[in-house]
Amino acid sequence: VQLQASGGGLVQAGGSLRLSCAASGRTFSSYAMGWFRQAPGKDREFVASIRWNGGNTYYADSVKGQFAISGDNARNTVYLQMNSLKPEDTAVYYCAARLGSTWSRLREQYDYDYWGQGTQVTVSS
């Protein structure tokens, strides 16, 4: 299984970007998918996740109201709409997928089984 993230780029502060992540390879059905990001010199951090069963979404406090996660379960595709971008949103953004069910809020890296290669988002001031 491979996850391919795309949609990153250079944007001015206040602008928007939409990231996409699609799974390919052997047929599988994910339980949830999520986005993490890693800024230079910092640890990878949780951004948002979506649980397909019920459509529950979870966000880091830092992006709540600014980012929106959505997706297509049947296609194992997840999106991250990022609005009102700030320079501090600059990071490499990674998508991830989890296969099995869990009660977790899907905020930890160990909650996920597969990871994409990352897409760079740079927000200029």
PDB file of N, CA and C in Angstrom:
ATOM      1  N   VAL A   1       0.853  -1.190   0.000  1.00  0.00           N
ATOM      2  CA  VAL A   1       0.000   0.000   0.000  1.00  0.00           C
ATOM      3  C   VAL A   1       0.887   1.238   0.000  1.00  0.00           C
ATOM      4  N   GLN A   2       0.561   2.174  -0.849  1.00  0.00           N
ATOM      5  CA  GLN A   2       1.291   3.436  -0.892  1.00  0.00           C
ATOM      6  C   GLN A   2       0.312   4.585  -0.760  1.00  0.00           C
ATOM      7  N   LEU A   3       0.727   5.593  -0.004  1.00  0.00           N
ATOM      8  CA  LEU A   3      -0.058   6.806   0.127  1.00  0.00           C
ATOM      9  C   LEU A   3       0.683   7.918  -0.593  1.00  0.00           C
ATOM     10  N   GLN A   4      -0.020   8.591  -1.464  1.00  0.00           N
ATOM     11  CA  GLN A   4       0.590   9.666  -2.252  1.00  0.00           C
ATOM     12  C   GLN A   4      -0.068  10.978  -1.881  1.00  0.00           C
ATOM     13  N   ALA A   5       0.711  11.850  -1.252  1.00  0.00           N
ATOM     14  CA  ALA A   5       0.207  13.174  -0.883  1.00  0.00           C
ATOM     15  C   ALA A   5       0.596  14.176  -1.954  1.00  0.00           C
ATOM     16  N   SER A   6      -0.294  15.117  -2.196  1.00  0.00           N
ATOM     17  CA  SER A   6      -0.040  16.150  -3.192  1.00  0.00           C
ATOM     18  C   SER A   6      -0.784  17.416  -2.807  1.00  0.00           C
ATOM     19  N   GLY A   7      -0.469  18.491  -3.525  1.00  0.00           N
ATOM     20  CA  GLY A   7      -1.189  19.738  -3.308  1.00  0.00           C
ATOM     21  C   GLY A   7      -0.416  20.793  -2.556  1.00  0.00           C
ATOM     22  N   GLY A   8       0.760  20.450  -2.079  1.00  0.00           N
ATOM     23  CA  GLY A   8       1.559  21.432  -1.374  1.00  0.00           C
ATOM     24  C   GLY A   8       2.119  22.478  -2.319  1.00  0.00           C
ATOM     25  N   GLY A   9       2.740  23.505  -1.735  1.00  0.00           N
ATOM     26  CA  GLY A   9       3.320  24.550  -2.556  1.00  0.00           C
ATOM     27  C   GLY A   9       3.637  25.769  -1.733  1.00  0.00           C
ATOM     28  N   LEU A  10       3.916  26.846  -2.445  1.00  0.00           N
ATOM     29  CA  LEU A  10       4.246  28.125  -1.827  1.00  0.00           C
ATOM     30  C   LEU A  10       3.024  29.036  -1.918  1.00  0.00           C
ATOM     31  N   VAL A  11       2.630  29.605  -0.801  1.00  0.00           N
ATOM     32  CA  VAL A  11       1.457  30.467  -0.769  1.00  0.00           C
ATOM     33  C   VAL A  11       1.738  31.629   0.176  1.00  0.00           C
ATOM     34  N   GLN A  12       1.122  32.756  -0.105  1.00  0.00           N
ATOM     35  CA  GLN A  12       1.274  33.905   0.783  1.00  0.00           C
ATOM     36  C   GLN A  12       0.394  33.748   2.012  1.00  0.00           C
ATOM     37  N   ALA A  13       0.778  34.400   3.079  1.00  0.00           N
ATOM     38  CA  ALA A  13      -0.019  34.379   4.301  1.00  0.00           C
ATOM     39  C   ALA A  13      -1.440  34.847   3.986  1.00  0.00           C
ATOM     40  N   GLY A  14      -2.398  34.148   4.542  1.00  0.00           N
ATOM     41  CA  GLY A  14      -3.797  34.439   4.281  1.00  0.00           C
ATOM     42  C   GLY A  14      -4.391  33.625   3.145  1.00  0.00           C
ATOM     43  N   GLY A  15      -3.550  32.949   2.398  1.00  0.00           N
ATOM     44  CA  GLY A  15      -4.010  32.153   1.277  1.00  0.00           C
ATOM     45  C   GLY A  15      -4.495  30.776   1.701  1.00  0.00           C
ATOM     46  N   SER A  16      -4.865  29.987   0.712  1.00  0.00           N
ATOM     47  CA  SER A  16      -5.419  28.655   0.952  1.00  0.00           C
ATOM     48  C   SER A  16      -4.723  27.611   0.087  1.00  0.00           C
ATOM     49  N   LEU A  17      -4.717  26.413   0.573  1.00  0.00           N
ATOM     50  CA  LEU A  17      -4.242  25.257  -0.184  1.00  0.00           C
ATOM     51  C   LEU A  17      -5.122  24.067   0.164  1.00  0.00           C
ATOM     52  N   ARG A  18      -5.221  23.137  -0.766  1.00  0.00           N
ATOM     53  CA  ARG A  18      -5.946  21.900  -0.513  1.00  0.00           C
ATOM     54  C   ARG A  18      -5.016  20.732  -0.779  1.00  0.00           C
ATOM     55  N   LEU A  19      -4.732  19.986   0.239  1.00  0.00           N
ATOM     56  CA  LEU A  19      -3.894  18.802   0.108  1.00  0.00           C
ATOM     57  C   LEU A  19      -4.768  17.584  -0.172  1.00  0.00           C
ATOM     58  N   SER A  20      -4.220  16.671  -0.946  1.00  0.00           N
ATOM     59  CA  SER A  20      -4.904  15.417  -1.239  1.00  0.00           C
ATOM     60  C   SER A  20      -3.982  14.254  -0.916  1.00  0.00           C
ATOM     61  N   CYS A  21      -4.570  13.136  -0.572  1.00  0.00           N
ATOM     62  CA  CYS A  21      -3.782  11.932  -0.310  1.00  0.00           C
ATOM     63  C   CYS A  21      -4.607  10.742  -0.777  1.00  0.00           C
ATOM     64  N   ALA A  22      -4.022   9.973  -1.678  1.00  0.00           N
ATOM     65  CA  ALA A  22      -4.715   8.813  -2.220  1.00  0.00           C
ATOM     66  C   ALA A  22      -3.901   7.558  -1.956  1.00  0.00           C
ATOM     67  N   ALA A  23      -4.583   6.487  -1.625  1.00  0.00           N
ATOM     68  CA  ALA A  23      -3.927   5.210  -1.386  1.00  0.00           C
ATOM     69  C   ALA A  23      -3.934   4.382  -2.669  1.00  0.00           C
ATOM     70  N   SER A  24      -2.850   3.695  -2.914  1.00  0.00           N
ATOM     71  CA  SER A  24      -2.768   2.806  -4.077  1.00  0.00           C
ATOM     72  C   SER A  24      -2.073   1.520  -3.657  1.00  0.00           C
ATOM     73  N   GLY A  25      -2.113   0.563  -4.523  1.00  0.00           N
ATOM     74  CA  GLY A  25      -1.518  -0.719  -4.204  1.00  0.00           C
ATOM     75  C   GLY A  25      -2.589  -1.769  -4.004  1.00  0.00           C
ATOM     76  N   ARG A  26      -2.329  -2.707  -3.133  1.00  0.00           N
ATOM     77  CA  ARG A  26      -3.300  -3.775  -2.924  1.00  0.00           C
ATOM     78  C   ARG A  26      -4.581  -3.195  -2.339  1.00  0.00           C
ATOM     79  N   THR A  27      -5.656  -3.802  -2.648  1.00  0.00           N
ATOM     80  CA  THR A  27      -6.943  -3.307  -2.177  1.00  0.00           C
ATOM     81  C   THR A  27      -7.013  -3.395  -0.655  1.00  0.00           C
ATOM     82  N   PHE A  28      -7.341  -2.305  -0.037  1.00  0.00           N
ATOM     83  CA  PHE A  28      -7.534  -2.340   1.403  1.00  0.00           C
ATOM     84  C   PHE A  28      -8.590  -1.319   1.779  1.00  0.00           C
ATOM     85  N   SER A  29      -9.151  -1.525   2.928  1.00  0.00           N
ATOM     86  CA  SER A  29     -10.166  -0.619   3.427  1.00  0.00           C
ATOM     87  C   SER A  29      -9.649  -0.016   4.721  1.00  0.00           C
ATOM     88  N   SER A  30      -9.420   1.271   4.689  1.00  0.00           N
ATOM     89  CA  SER A  30      -8.888   1.922   5.882  1.00  0.00           C
ATOM     90  C   SER A  30     -10.007   2.227   6.861  1.00  0.00           C
ATOM     91  N   TYR A  31      -9.677   2.255   8.132  1.00  0.00           N
ATOM     92  CA  TYR A  31     -10.620   2.617   9.184  1.00  0.00           C
ATOM     93  C   TYR A  31     -10.629   4.121   9.389  1.00  0.00           C
ATOM     94  N   ALA A  32      -9.475   4.719   9.196  1.00  0.00           N
ATOM     95  CA  ALA A  32      -9.341   6.160   9.404  1.00  0.00           C
ATOM     96  C   ALA A  32      -8.121   6.656   8.640  1.00  0.00           C
ATOM     97  N   MET A  33      -8.093   7.953   8.409  1.00  0.00           N
ATOM     98  CA  MET A  33      -6.930   8.582   7.799  1.00  0.00           C
ATOM     99  C   MET A  33      -6.661   9.890   8.508  1.00  0.00           C
ATOM    100  N   GLY A  34      -5.448  10.346   8.404  1.00  0.00           N
ATOM    101  CA  GLY A  34      -5.102  11.563   9.123  1.00  0.00           C
ATOM    102  C   GLY A  34      -3.978  12.330   8.458  1.00  0.00           C
ATOM    103  N   TRP A  35      -3.753  13.519   8.971  1.00  0.00           N
ATOM    104  CA  TRP A  35      -2.670  14.391   8.514  1.00  0.00           C
ATOM    105  C   TRP A  35      -1.812  14.792   9.709  1.00  0.00           C
ATOM    106  N   PHE A  36      -0.524  14.784   9.480  1.00  0.00           N
ATOM    107  CA  PHE A  36       0.453  15.267  10.442  1.00  0.00           C
ATOM    108  C   PHE A  36       1.345  16.260   9.711  1.00  0.00           C
ATOM    109  N   ARG A  37       2.111  17.028  10.457  1.00  0.00           N
ATOM    110  CA  ARG A  37       3.058  17.937   9.826  1.00  0.00           C
ATOM    111  C   ARG A  37       4.330  18.025  10.649  1.00  0.00           C
ATOM    112  N   GLN A  38       5.397  18.366   9.972  1.00  0.00           N
ATOM    113  CA  GLN A  38       6.683  18.506  10.648  1.00  0.00           C
ATOM    114  C   GLN A  38       7.381  19.745  10.118  1.00  0.00           C
ATOM    115  N   ALA A  39       7.558  20.706  10.995  1.00  0.00           N
ATOM    116  CA  ALA A  39       8.266  21.931  10.659  1.00  0.00           C
ATOM    117  C   ALA A  39       9.764  21.716  10.887  1.00  0.00           C
ATOM    118  N   PRO A  40      10.591  22.514  10.250  1.00  0.00           N
ATOM    119  CA  PRO A  40      12.045  22.365  10.411  1.00  0.00           C
ATOM    120  C   PRO A  40      12.453  22.462  11.870  1.00  0.00           C
ATOM    121  N   GLY A  41      13.217  21.483  12.316  1.00  0.00           N
ATOM    122  CA  GLY A  41      13.713  21.495  13.682  1.00  0.00           C
ATOM    123  C   GLY A  41      12.708  21.098  14.740  1.00  0.00           C
ATOM    124  N   LYS A  42      11.517  20.673  14.313  1.00  0.00           N
ATOM    125  CA  LYS A  42      10.473  20.309  15.276  1.00  0.00           C
ATOM    126  C   LYS A  42      10.031  18.874  15.064  1.00  0.00           C
ATOM    127  N   ASP A  43       9.354  18.346  16.065  1.00  0.00           N
ATOM    128  CA  ASP A  43       8.816  16.999  15.959  1.00  0.00           C
ATOM    129  C   ASP A  43       7.583  16.994  15.056  1.00  0.00           C
ATOM    130  N   ARG A  44       7.291  15.839  14.528  1.00  0.00           N
ATOM    131  CA  ARG A  44       6.069  15.687  13.744  1.00  0.00           C
ATOM    132  C   ARG A  44       4.878  15.803  14.686  1.00  0.00           C
ATOM    133  N   GLU A  45       3.866  16.565  14.255  1.00  0.00           N
ATOM    134  CA  GLU A  45       2.711  16.788  15.101  1.00  0.00           C
ATOM    135  C   GLU A  45       1.414  16.490  14.371  1.00  0.00           C
ATOM    136  N   PHE A  46       0.430  16.124  15.162  1.00  0.00           N
ATOM    137  CA  PHE A  46      -0.900  15.819  14.635  1.00  0.00           C
ATOM    138  C   PHE A  46      -1.568  17.086  14.116  1.00  0.00           C
ATOM    139  N   VAL A  47      -2.293  16.956  13.009  1.00  0.00           N
ATOM    140  CA  VAL A  47      -3.057  18.062  12.447  1.00  0.00           C
ATOM    141  C   VAL A  47      -4.547  17.752  12.469  1.00  0.00           C
ATOM    142  N   ALA A  48      -4.939  16.672  11.821  1.00  0.00           N
ATOM    143  CA  ALA A  48      -6.360  16.340  11.735  1.00  0.00           C
ATOM    144  C   ALA A  48      -6.526  14.873  11.362  1.00  0.00           C
ATOM    145  N   SER A  49      -7.680  14.311  11.713  1.00  0.00           N
ATOM    146  CA  SER A  49      -7.961  12.924  11.350  1.00  0.00           C
ATOM    147  C   SER A  49      -9.449  12.744  11.104  1.00  0.00           C
ATOM    148  N   ILE A  50      -9.782  11.700  10.390  1.00  0.00           N
ATOM    149  CA  ILE A  50     -11.174  11.393  10.108  1.00  0.00           C
ATOM    150  C   ILE A  50     -11.389   9.900  10.249  1.00  0.00           C
ATOM    151  N   ARG A  51     -12.449   9.556  10.963  1.00  0.00           N
ATOM    152  CA  ARG A  51     -12.828   8.164  11.147  1.00  0.00           C
ATOM    153  C   ARG A  51     -13.971   7.906  10.195  1.00  0.00           C
ATOM    154  N   TRP A  52     -13.813   6.980   9.271  1.00  0.00           N
ATOM    155  CA  TRP A  52     -14.813   6.798   8.231  1.00  0.00           C
ATOM    156  C   TRP A  52     -16.158   6.351   8.802  1.00  0.00           C
ATOM    157  N   ASN A  53     -16.153   5.475   9.770  1.00  0.00           N
ATOM    158  CA  ASN A  53     -17.394   5.003  10.360  1.00  0.00           C
ATOM    159  C   ASN A  53     -17.975   6.085  11.252  1.00  0.00           C
ATOM    160  N   GLY A  54     -18.950   6.779  10.760  1.00  0.00           N
ATOM    161  CA  GLY A  54     -19.552   7.873  11.514  1.00  0.00           C
ATOM    162  C   GLY A  54     -19.072   9.237  11.088  1.00  0.00           C
ATOM    163  N   GLY A  55     -17.943   9.269  10.394  1.00  0.00           N
ATOM    164  CA  GLY A  55     -17.441  10.539   9.875  1.00  0.00           C
ATOM    165  C   GLY A  55     -16.872  11.479  10.912  1.00  0.00           C
ATOM    166  N   ASN A  56     -16.516  10.953  12.092  1.00  0.00           N
ATOM    167  CA  ASN A  56     -15.955  11.819  13.129  1.00  0.00           C
ATOM    168  C   ASN A  56     -14.630  12.421  12.676  1.00  0.00           C
ATOM    169  N   THR A  57     -14.457  13.689  12.979  1.00  0.00           N
ATOM    170  CA  THR A  57     -13.209  14.367  12.658  1.00  0.00           C
ATOM    171  C   THR A  57     -12.584  14.930  13.931  1.00  0.00           C
ATOM    172  N   TYR A  58     -11.277  15.017  13.923  1.00  0.00           N
ATOM    173  CA  TYR A  58     -10.525  15.519  15.067  1.00  0.00           C
ATOM    174  C   TYR A  58      -9.472  16.483  14.558  1.00  0.00           C
ATOM    175  N   TYR A  59      -9.229  17.533  15.328  1.00  0.00           N
ATOM    176  CA  TYR A  59      -8.285  18.566  14.924  1.00  0.00           C
ATOM    177  C   TYR A  59      -7.362  18.944  16.078  1.00  0.00           C
ATOM    178  N   ALA A  60      -6.161  19.312  15.706  1.00  0.00           N
ATOM    179  CA  ALA A  60      -5.284  19.944  16.683  1.00  0.00           C
ATOM    180  C   ALA A  60      -5.859  21.313  17.006  1.00  0.00           C
ATOM    181  N   ASP A  61      -5.682  21.740  18.237  1.00  0.00           N
ATOM    182  CA  ASP A  61      -6.212  23.048  18.633  1.00  0.00           C
ATOM    183  C   ASP A  61      -5.666  24.159  17.746  1.00  0.00           C
ATOM    184  N   SER A  62      -4.446  24.008  17.297  1.00  0.00           N
ATOM    185  CA  SER A  62      -3.793  25.066  16.525  1.00  0.00           C
ATOM    186  C   SER A  62      -4.410  25.279  15.157  1.00  0.00           C
ATOM    187  N   VAL A  63      -5.178  24.308  14.655  1.00  0.00           N
ATOM    188  CA  VAL A  63      -5.754  24.441  13.310  1.00  0.00           C
ATOM    189  C   VAL A  63      -7.279  24.398  13.319  1.00  0.00           C
ATOM    190  N   LYS A  64      -7.865  24.246  14.480  1.00  0.00           N
ATOM    191  CA  LYS A  64      -9.325  24.153  14.572  1.00  0.00           C
ATOM    192  C   LYS A  64      -9.956  25.422  14.048  1.00  0.00           C
ATOM    193  N   GLY A  65     -10.906  25.287  13.146  1.00  0.00           N
ATOM    194  CA  GLY A  65     -11.560  26.431  12.545  1.00  0.00           C
ATOM    195  C   GLY A  65     -10.827  26.993  11.339  1.00  0.00           C
ATOM    196  N   GLN A  66      -9.626  26.529  11.120  1.00  0.00           N
ATOM    197  CA  GLN A  66      -8.804  27.021  10.013  1.00  0.00           C
ATOM    198  C   GLN A  66      -8.652  25.941   8.936  1.00  0.00           C
ATOM    199  N   PHE A  67      -8.491  24.691   9.352  1.00  0.00           N
ATOM    200  CA  PHE A  67      -8.336  23.564   8.439  1.00  0.00           C
ATOM    201  C   PHE A  67      -9.579  22.692   8.499  1.00  0.00           C
ATOM    202  N   ALA A  68      -9.828  21.974   7.406  1.00  0.00           N
ATOM    203  CA  ALA A  68     -10.946  21.038   7.369  1.00  0.00           C
ATOM    204  C   ALA A  68     -10.513  19.762   6.671  1.00  0.00           C
ATOM    205  N   ILE A  69     -10.759  18.633   7.320  1.00  0.00           N
ATOM    206  CA  ILE A  69     -10.434  17.346   6.739  1.00  0.00           C
ATOM    207  C   ILE A  69     -11.700  16.717   6.173  1.00  0.00           C
ATOM    208  N   SER A  70     -11.561  16.085   5.035  1.00  0.00           N
ATOM    209  CA  SER A  70     -12.683  15.392   4.421  1.00  0.00           C
ATOM    210  C   SER A  70     -12.113  14.263   3.572  1.00  0.00           C
ATOM    211  N   GLY A  71     -13.000  13.482   2.973  1.00  0.00           N
ATOM    212  CA  GLY A  71     -12.465  12.413   2.156  1.00  0.00           C
ATOM    213  C   GLY A  71     -13.513  11.515   1.568  1.00  0.00           C
ATOM    214  N   ASP A  72     -13.041  10.524   0.864  1.00  0.00           N
ATOM    215  CA  ASP A  72     -13.886   9.545   0.203  1.00  0.00           C
ATOM    216  C   ASP A  72     -13.416   8.173   0.666  1.00  0.00           C
ATOM    217  N   ASN A  73     -14.192   7.549   1.527  1.00  0.00           N
ATOM    218  CA  ASN A  73     -13.799   6.269   2.088  1.00  0.00           C
ATOM    219  C   ASN A  73     -13.649   5.215   1.014  1.00  0.00           C
ATOM    220  N   ALA A  74     -14.567   5.191   0.074  1.00  0.00           N
ATOM    221  CA  ALA A  74     -14.543   4.163  -0.968  1.00  0.00           C
ATOM    222  C   ALA A  74     -13.276   4.244  -1.806  1.00  0.00           C
ATOM    223  N   ARG A  75     -12.728   5.414  -1.931  1.00  0.00           N
ATOM    224  CA  ARG A  75     -11.517   5.604  -2.736  1.00  0.00           C
ATOM    225  C   ARG A  75     -10.274   5.747  -1.881  1.00  0.00           C
ATOM    226  N   ASN A  76     -10.425   5.600  -0.563  1.00  0.00           N
ATOM    227  CA  ASN A  76      -9.289   5.773   0.338  1.00  0.00           C
ATOM    228  C   ASN A  76      -8.531   7.057   0.032  1.00  0.00           C
ATOM    229  N   THR A  77      -9.277   8.110  -0.080  1.00  0.00           N
ATOM    230  CA  THR A  77      -8.698   9.407  -0.385  1.00  0.00           C
ATOM    231  C   THR A  77      -9.103  10.389   0.703  1.00  0.00           C
ATOM    232  N   VAL A  78      -8.145  11.168   1.161  1.00  0.00           N
ATOM    233  CA  VAL A  78      -8.427  12.161   2.193  1.00  0.00           C
ATOM    234  C   VAL A  78      -7.899  13.510   1.728  1.00  0.00           C
ATOM    235  N   TYR A  79      -8.586  14.563   2.127  1.00  0.00           N
ATOM    236  CA  TYR A  79      -8.222  15.926   1.752  1.00  0.00           C
ATOM    237  C   TYR A  79      -8.005  16.762   3.008  1.00  0.00           C
ATOM    238  N   LEU A  80      -7.215  17.794   2.859  1.00  0.00           N
ATOM    239  CA  LEU A  80      -7.054  18.767   3.930  1.00  0.00           C
ATOM    240  C   LEU A  80      -7.148  20.151   3.317  1.00  0.00           C
ATOM    241  N   GLN A  81      -8.257  20.817   3.585  1.00  0.00           N
ATOM    242  CA  GLN A  81      -8.446  22.190   3.126  1.00  0.00           C
ATOM    243  C   GLN A  81      -7.848  23.114   4.170  1.00  0.00           C
ATOM    244  N   MET A  82      -6.895  23.911   3.751  1.00  0.00           N
ATOM    245  CA  MET A  82      -6.188  24.802   4.671  1.00  0.00           C
ATOM    246  C   MET A  82      -6.454  26.241   4.262  1.00  0.00           C
ATOM    247  N   ASN A  83      -7.080  26.978   5.148  1.00  0.00           N
ATOM    248  CA  ASN A  83      -7.431  28.368   4.884  1.00  0.00           C
ATOM    249  C   ASN A  83      -6.684  29.304   5.824  1.00  0.00           C
ATOM    250  N   SER A  84      -6.662  30.569   5.451  1.00  0.00           N
ATOM    251  CA  SER A  84      -6.025  31.597   6.295  1.00  0.00           C
ATOM    252  C   SER A  84      -4.647  31.143   6.759  1.00  0.00           C
ATOM    253  N   LEU A  85      -3.859  30.684   5.833  1.00  0.00           N
ATOM    254  CA  LEU A  85      -2.558  30.118   6.187  1.00  0.00           C
ATOM    255  C   LEU A  85      -1.630  31.173   6.782  1.00  0.00           C
ATOM    256  N   LYS A  86      -0.815  30.702   7.719  1.00  0.00           N
ATOM    257  CA  LYS A  86       0.129  31.574   8.419  1.00  0.00           C
ATOM    258  C   LYS A  86       1.536  31.023   8.221  1.00  0.00           C
ATOM    259  N   PRO A  87       2.540  31.852   8.367  1.00  0.00           N
ATOM    260  CA  PRO A  87       3.913  31.351   8.232  1.00  0.00           C
ATOM    261  C   PRO A  87       4.203  30.169   9.146  1.00  0.00           C
ATOM    262  N   GLU A  88       3.580  30.130  10.302  1.00  0.00           N
ATOM    263  CA  GLU A  88       3.825  29.015  11.223  1.00  0.00           C
ATOM    264  C   GLU A  88       3.190  27.710  10.767  1.00  0.00           C
ATOM    265  N   ASP A  89       2.400  27.750   9.714  1.00  0.00           N
ATOM    266  CA  ASP A  89       1.865  26.513   9.123  1.00  0.00           C
ATOM    267  C   ASP A  89       2.861  25.866   8.165  1.00  0.00           C
ATOM    268  N   THR A  90       3.974  26.540   7.918  1.00  0.00           N
ATOM    269  CA  THR A  90       5.001  25.988   7.045  1.00  0.00           C
ATOM    270  C   THR A  90       5.545  24.689   7.613  1.00  0.00           C
ATOM    271  N   ALA A  91       5.493  23.641   6.818  1.00  0.00           N
ATOM    272  CA  ALA A  91       5.922  22.322   7.270  1.00  0.00           C
ATOM    273  C   ALA A  91       5.807  21.341   6.106  1.00  0.00           C
ATOM    274  N   VAL A  92       6.351  20.163   6.323  1.00  0.00           N
ATOM    275  CA  VAL A  92       6.050  19.044   5.437  1.00  0.00           C
ATOM    276  C   VAL A  92       4.822  18.348   6.016  1.00  0.00           C
ATOM    277  N   TYR A  93       3.829  18.158   5.186  1.00  0.00           N
ATOM    278  CA  TYR A  93       2.576  17.557   5.623  1.00  0.00           C
ATOM    279  C   TYR A  93       2.533  16.104   5.160  1.00  0.00           C
ATOM    280  N   TYR A  94       2.221  15.217   6.114  1.00  0.00           N
ATOM    281  CA  TYR A  94       2.186  13.782   5.851  1.00  0.00           C
ATOM    282  C   TYR A  94       0.767  13.260   6.054  1.00  0.00           C
ATOM    283  N   CYS A  95       0.353  12.377   5.163  1.00  0.00           N
ATOM    284  CA  CYS A  95      -0.914  11.697   5.381  1.00  0.00           C
ATOM    285  C   CYS A  95      -0.633  10.288   5.889  1.00  0.00           C
ATOM    286  N   ALA A  96      -1.616   9.729   6.553  1.00  0.00           N
ATOM    287  CA  ALA A  96      -1.452   8.411   7.152  1.00  0.00           C
ATOM    288  C   ALA A  96      -2.789   7.681   7.138  1.00  0.00           C
ATOM    289  N   ALA A  97      -2.706   6.362   7.184  1.00  0.00           N
ATOM    290  CA  ALA A  97      -3.914   5.546   7.168  1.00  0.00           C
ATOM    291  C   ALA A  97      -3.838   4.464   8.241  1.00  0.00           C
ATOM    292  N   ARG A  98      -4.990   4.187   8.836  1.00  0.00           N
ATOM    293  CA  ARG A  98      -5.089   3.133   9.831  1.00  0.00           C
ATOM    294  C   ARG A  98      -6.062   2.081   9.325  1.00  0.00           C
ATOM    295  N   LEU A  99      -5.727   0.805   9.524  1.00  0.00           N
ATOM    296  CA  LEU A  99      -6.571  -0.269   9.032  1.00  0.00           C
ATOM    297  C   LEU A  99      -7.623  -0.699  10.051  1.00  0.00           C
ATOM    298  N   GLY A 100      -7.228  -0.964  11.268  1.00  0.00           N
ATOM    299  CA  GLY A 100      -8.127  -1.546  12.242  1.00  0.00           C
ATOM    300  C   GLY A 100      -8.860  -0.510  13.067  1.00  0.00           C
ATOM    301  N   SER A 101      -9.956  -0.950  13.671  1.00  0.00           N
ATOM    302  CA  SER A 101     -10.756  -0.053  14.488  1.00  0.00           C
ATOM    303  C   SER A 101     -10.035   0.267  15.793  1.00  0.00           C
ATOM    304  N   THR A 102     -10.425   1.388  16.392  1.00  0.00           N
ATOM    305  CA  THR A 102      -9.823   1.826  17.640  1.00  0.00           C
ATOM    306  C   THR A 102     -10.735   2.839  18.295  1.00  0.00           C
ATOM    307  N   TRP A 103     -10.632   2.951  19.622  1.00  0.00           N
ATOM    308  CA  TRP A 103     -11.361   3.979  20.339  1.00  0.00           C
ATOM    309  C   TRP A 103     -10.549   5.272  20.408  1.00  0.00           C
ATOM    310  N   SER A 104      -9.336   5.184  19.954  1.00  0.00           N
ATOM    311  CA  SER A 104      -8.435   6.333  20.015  1.00  0.00           C
ATOM    312  C   SER A 104      -8.968   7.507  19.197  1.00  0.00           C
ATOM    313  N   ARG A 105      -8.530   8.691  19.566  1.00  0.00           N
ATOM    314  CA  ARG A 105      -8.895   9.877  18.788  1.00  0.00           C
ATOM    315  C   ARG A 105      -7.941  10.090  17.621  1.00  0.00           C
ATOM    316  N   LEU A 106      -7.078   9.109  17.409  1.00  0.00           N
ATOM    317  CA  LEU A 106      -6.255   9.104  16.199  1.00  0.00           C
ATOM    318  C   LEU A 106      -5.351  10.327  16.121  1.00  0.00           C
ATOM    319  N   ARG A 107      -4.774  10.684  17.246  1.00  0.00           N
ATOM    320  CA  ARG A 107      -3.914  11.861  17.294  1.00  0.00           C
ATOM    321  C   ARG A 107      -2.439  11.511  17.383  1.00  0.00           C
ATOM    322  N   GLU A 108      -2.136  10.232  17.506  1.00  0.00           N
ATOM    323  CA  GLU A 108      -0.750   9.817  17.709  1.00  0.00           C
ATOM    324  C   GLU A 108      -0.226   9.088  16.473  1.00  0.00           C
ATOM    325  N   GLN A 109       1.058   9.227  16.235  1.00  0.00           N
ATOM    326  CA  GLN A 109       1.656   8.578  15.069  1.00  0.00           C
ATOM    327  C   GLN A 109       1.486   7.058  15.143  1.00  0.00           C
ATOM    328  N   TYR A 110       1.538   6.489  16.334  1.00  0.00           N
ATOM    329  CA  TYR A 110       1.412   5.047  16.464  1.00  0.00           C
ATOM    330  C   TYR A 110       0.001   4.536  16.195  1.00  0.00           C
ATOM    331  N   ASP A 111      -0.943   5.430  15.998  1.00  0.00           N
ATOM    332  CA  ASP A 111      -2.304   5.032  15.634  1.00  0.00           C
ATOM    333  C   ASP A 111      -2.401   4.596  14.174  1.00  0.00           C
ATOM    334  N   TYR A 112      -1.363   4.854  13.386  1.00  0.00           N
ATOM    335  CA  TYR A 112      -1.438   4.664  11.943  1.00  0.00           C
ATOM    336  C   TYR A 112      -0.497   3.564  11.454  1.00  0.00           C
ATOM    337  N   ASP A 113      -0.930   2.912  10.384  1.00  0.00           N
ATOM    338  CA  ASP A 113      -0.187   1.790   9.822  1.00  0.00           C
ATOM    339  C   ASP A 113       0.640   2.167   8.586  1.00  0.00           C
ATOM    340  N   TYR A 114       0.143   3.106   7.818  1.00  0.00           N
ATOM    341  CA  TYR A 114       0.816   3.482   6.573  1.00  0.00           C
ATOM    342  C   TYR A 114       0.974   4.997   6.510  1.00  0.00           C
ATOM    343  N   TRP A 115       2.069   5.408   5.883  1.00  0.00           N
ATOM    344  CA  TRP A 115       2.387   6.830   5.780  1.00  0.00           C
ATOM    345  C   TRP A 115       2.742   7.202   4.347  1.00  0.00           C
ATOM    346  N   GLY A 116       2.364   8.422   3.980  1.00  0.00           N
ATOM    347  CA  GLY A 116       2.765   8.972   2.699  1.00  0.00           C
ATOM    348  C   GLY A 116       4.130   9.623   2.810  1.00  0.00           C
ATOM    349  N   GLN A 117       4.637  10.110   1.688  1.00  0.00           N
ATOM    350  CA  GLN A 117       5.991  10.639   1.632  1.00  0.00           C
ATOM    351  C   GLN A 117       6.075  12.109   2.060  1.00  0.00           C
ATOM    352  N   GLY A 118       4.958  12.769   2.181  1.00  0.00           N
ATOM    353  CA  GLY A 118       4.964  14.166   2.585  1.00  0.00           C
ATOM    354  C   GLY A 118       4.915  15.130   1.415  1.00  0.00           C
ATOM    355  N   THR A 119       4.299  16.260   1.663  1.00  0.00           N
ATOM    356  CA  THR A 119       4.249  17.329   0.675  1.00  0.00           C
ATOM    357  C   THR A 119       4.569  18.637   1.387  1.00  0.00           C
ATOM    358  N   GLN A 120       5.416  19.443   0.777  1.00  0.00           N
ATOM    359  CA  GLN A 120       5.900  20.669   1.413  1.00  0.00           C
ATOM    360  C   GLN A 120       4.878  21.794   1.265  1.00  0.00           C
ATOM    361  N   VAL A 121       4.591  22.442   2.369  1.00  0.00           N
ATOM    362  CA  VAL A 121       3.758  23.640   2.376  1.00  0.00           C
ATOM    363  C   VAL A 121       4.601  24.767   2.941  1.00  0.00           C
ATOM    364  N   THR A 122       4.737  25.827   2.159  1.00  0.00           N
ATOM    365  CA  THR A 122       5.515  26.980   2.588  1.00  0.00           C
ATOM    366  C   THR A 122       4.630  28.211   2.523  1.00  0.00           C
ATOM    367  N   VAL A 123       4.503  28.899   3.649  1.00  0.00           N
ATOM    368  CA  VAL A 123       3.672  30.090   3.729  1.00  0.00           C
ATOM    369  C   VAL A 123       4.589  31.286   3.949  1.00  0.00           C
ATOM    370  N   SER A 124       4.576  32.207   3.004  1.00  0.00           N
ATOM    371  CA  SER A 124       5.422  33.391   3.102  1.00  0.00           C
ATOM    372  C   SER A 124       4.664  34.532   3.766  1.00  0.00           C
ATOM    373  N   SER A 125       5.399  35.352   4.474  1.00  0.00           N
ATOM    374  CA  SER A 125       4.764  36.469   5.196  1.00  0.00           C
ATOM    375  C   SER A 125       4.714  37.720   4.333  1.00  0.00           C
TER     376      SER A 125
END
